[in-house]
Amino acid sequence: MAKAVEASGGTSGEGIIKYWNSLNKYPGYFGDYTFTPTQHNGYSTDQVVMSEASTAKNGAFNLAPGYK
């Protein structure tokens, strides 16, 4: 959010939305975030996987059964 305010030059919703919609492969904890005017969840469907509960320790996680 701080980067969005800095890049857009203020706290207007329109400026922040414009910044977020320009993000492409921004590094995140579970993958790279990409936002567009029609894609608002940050991850494309092919990047979404399930992990086993409580396995995100030390930056690593185990995929849930059924994922490779």
C-alpha atoms as a PDB file:
ATOM      1  CA  MET A   1       0.000   0.000   0.000  1.00  0.00           C
ATOM      2  CA  ALA A   2       2.849   2.394   0.818  1.00  0.00           C
ATOM      3  CA  LYS A   3       4.356   1.787  -2.631  1.00  0.00           C
ATOM      4  CA  ALA A   4       0.969   2.453  -4.232  1.00  0.00           C
ATOM      5  CA  VAL A   5       0.647   5.785  -2.396  1.00  0.00           C
ATOM      6  CA  GLU A   6       4.222   6.751  -3.265  1.00  0.00           C
ATOM      7  CA  ALA A   7       3.934   5.753  -6.924  1.00  0.00           C
ATOM      8  CA  SER A   8       0.539   7.391  -7.427  1.00  0.00           C
ATOM      9  CA  GLY A   9       1.504  10.565  -5.564  1.00  0.00           C
ATOM     10  CA  GLY A  10      -1.343  10.434  -3.061  1.00  0.00           C
ATOM     11  CA  THR A  11      -4.064   8.457  -1.354  1.00  0.00           C
ATOM     12  CA  SER A  12      -6.843   8.776  -3.909  1.00  0.00           C
ATOM     13  CA  GLY A  13      -8.583   5.506  -4.632  1.00  0.00           C
ATOM     14  CA  GLU A  14      -8.287   6.086  -8.365  1.00  0.00           C
ATOM     15  CA  GLY A  15      -4.491   6.501  -8.186  1.00  0.00           C
ATOM     16  CA  ILE A  16      -4.029   3.449  -5.971  1.00  0.00           C
ATOM     17  CA  ILE A  17      -6.233   1.306  -8.226  1.00  0.00           C
ATOM     18  CA  LYS A  18      -4.268   2.454 -11.273  1.00  0.00           C
ATOM     19  CA  TYR A  19      -1.011   1.462  -9.542  1.00  0.00           C
ATOM     20  CA  TRP A  20      -2.315  -1.954  -8.439  1.00  0.00           C
ATOM     21  CA  ASN A  21      -3.665  -2.654 -11.925  1.00  0.00           C
ATOM     22  CA  SER A  22      -0.180  -2.046 -13.335  1.00  0.00           C
ATOM     23  CA  LEU A  23       1.549  -4.665 -11.137  1.00  0.00           C
ATOM     24  CA  ASN A  24       2.935  -7.548 -13.123  1.00  0.00           C
ATOM     25  CA  LYS A  25       4.740 -10.443 -11.434  1.00  0.00           C
ATOM     26  CA  TYR A  26       5.384  -8.516  -8.192  1.00  0.00           C
ATOM     27  CA  PRO A  27       7.185 -10.940  -5.810  1.00  0.00           C
ATOM     28  CA  GLY A  28       5.002 -12.176  -2.948  1.00  0.00           C
ATOM     29  CA  TYR A  29       5.102 -14.829  -0.225  1.00  0.00           C
ATOM     30  CA  PHE A  30       3.260 -17.545  -2.152  1.00  0.00           C
ATOM     31  CA  GLY A  31       3.948 -16.389  -5.696  1.00  0.00           C
ATOM     32  CA  ASP A  32       4.093 -13.376  -7.958  1.00  0.00           C
ATOM     33  CA  TYR A  33       1.186 -10.911  -7.856  1.00  0.00           C
ATOM     34  CA  THR A  34      -0.303  -9.635 -11.092  1.00  0.00           C
ATOM     35  CA  PHE A  35      -3.310  -7.324 -11.146  1.00  0.00           C
ATOM     36  CA  THR A  36      -5.292  -6.000 -14.104  1.00  0.00           C
ATOM     37  CA  PRO A  37      -8.599  -4.132 -14.405  1.00  0.00           C
ATOM     38  CA  THR A  38     -10.350  -7.528 -14.645  1.00  0.00           C
ATOM     39  CA  GLN A  39      -8.014  -9.678 -12.487  1.00  0.00           C
ATOM     40  CA  HIS A  40      -8.241  -8.535  -8.851  1.00  0.00           C
ATOM     41  CA  ASN A  41      -7.105 -11.478  -6.738  1.00  0.00           C
ATOM     42  CA  GLY A  42      -3.405 -11.175  -7.633  1.00  0.00           C
ATOM     43  CA  TYR A  43      -2.868 -14.752  -8.752  1.00  0.00           C
ATOM     44  CA  SER A  44      -3.900 -16.383 -11.961  1.00  0.00           C
ATOM     45  CA  THR A  45      -5.862 -19.611 -11.537  1.00  0.00           C
ATOM     46  CA  ASP A  46      -2.905 -21.747 -12.633  1.00  0.00           C
ATOM     47  CA  GLN A  47      -0.815 -20.361  -9.744  1.00  0.00           C
ATOM     48  CA  VAL A  48      -3.298 -21.246  -7.002  1.00  0.00           C
ATOM     49  CA  VAL A  49      -2.627 -24.456  -5.083  1.00  0.00           C
ATOM     50  CA  MET A  50      -3.618 -25.750  -1.685  1.00  0.00           C
ATOM     51  CA  SER A  51      -1.061 -26.396   1.015  1.00  0.00           C
ATOM     52  CA  GLU A  52      -1.353 -28.617   4.036  1.00  0.00           C
ATOM     53  CA  ALA A  53      -2.448 -26.839   7.197  1.00  0.00           C
ATOM     54  CA  SER A  54       0.341 -25.415   9.357  1.00  0.00           C
ATOM     55  CA  THR A  55       3.157 -26.270   6.942  1.00  0.00           C
ATOM     56  CA  ALA A  56       4.294 -22.706   6.092  1.00  0.00           C
ATOM     57  CA  LYS A  57       7.280 -22.851   8.423  1.00  0.00           C
ATOM     58  CA  ASN A  58      10.553 -21.132   7.608  1.00  0.00           C
ATOM     59  CA  GLY A  59       9.192 -19.991   4.244  1.00  0.00           C
ATOM     60  CA  ALA A  60       8.380 -23.499   2.990  1.00  0.00           C
ATOM     61  CA  PHE A  61       5.137 -25.391   2.669  1.00  0.00           C
ATOM     62  CA  ASN A  62       3.917 -28.844   1.647  1.00  0.00           C
ATOM     63  CA  LEU A  63       1.423 -29.159  -1.192  1.00  0.00           C
ATOM     64  CA  ALA A  64      -1.909 -30.679  -0.252  1.00  0.00           C
ATOM     65  CA  PRO A  65      -2.617 -34.201  -1.483  1.00  0.00           C
ATOM     66  CA  GLY A  66      -3.418 -34.234  -5.201  1.00  0.00           C
ATOM     67  CA  TYR A  67      -1.000 -31.440  -6.196  1.00  0.00           C
ATOM     68  CA  LYS A  68       2.371 -32.105  -7.791  1.00  0.00           C
END
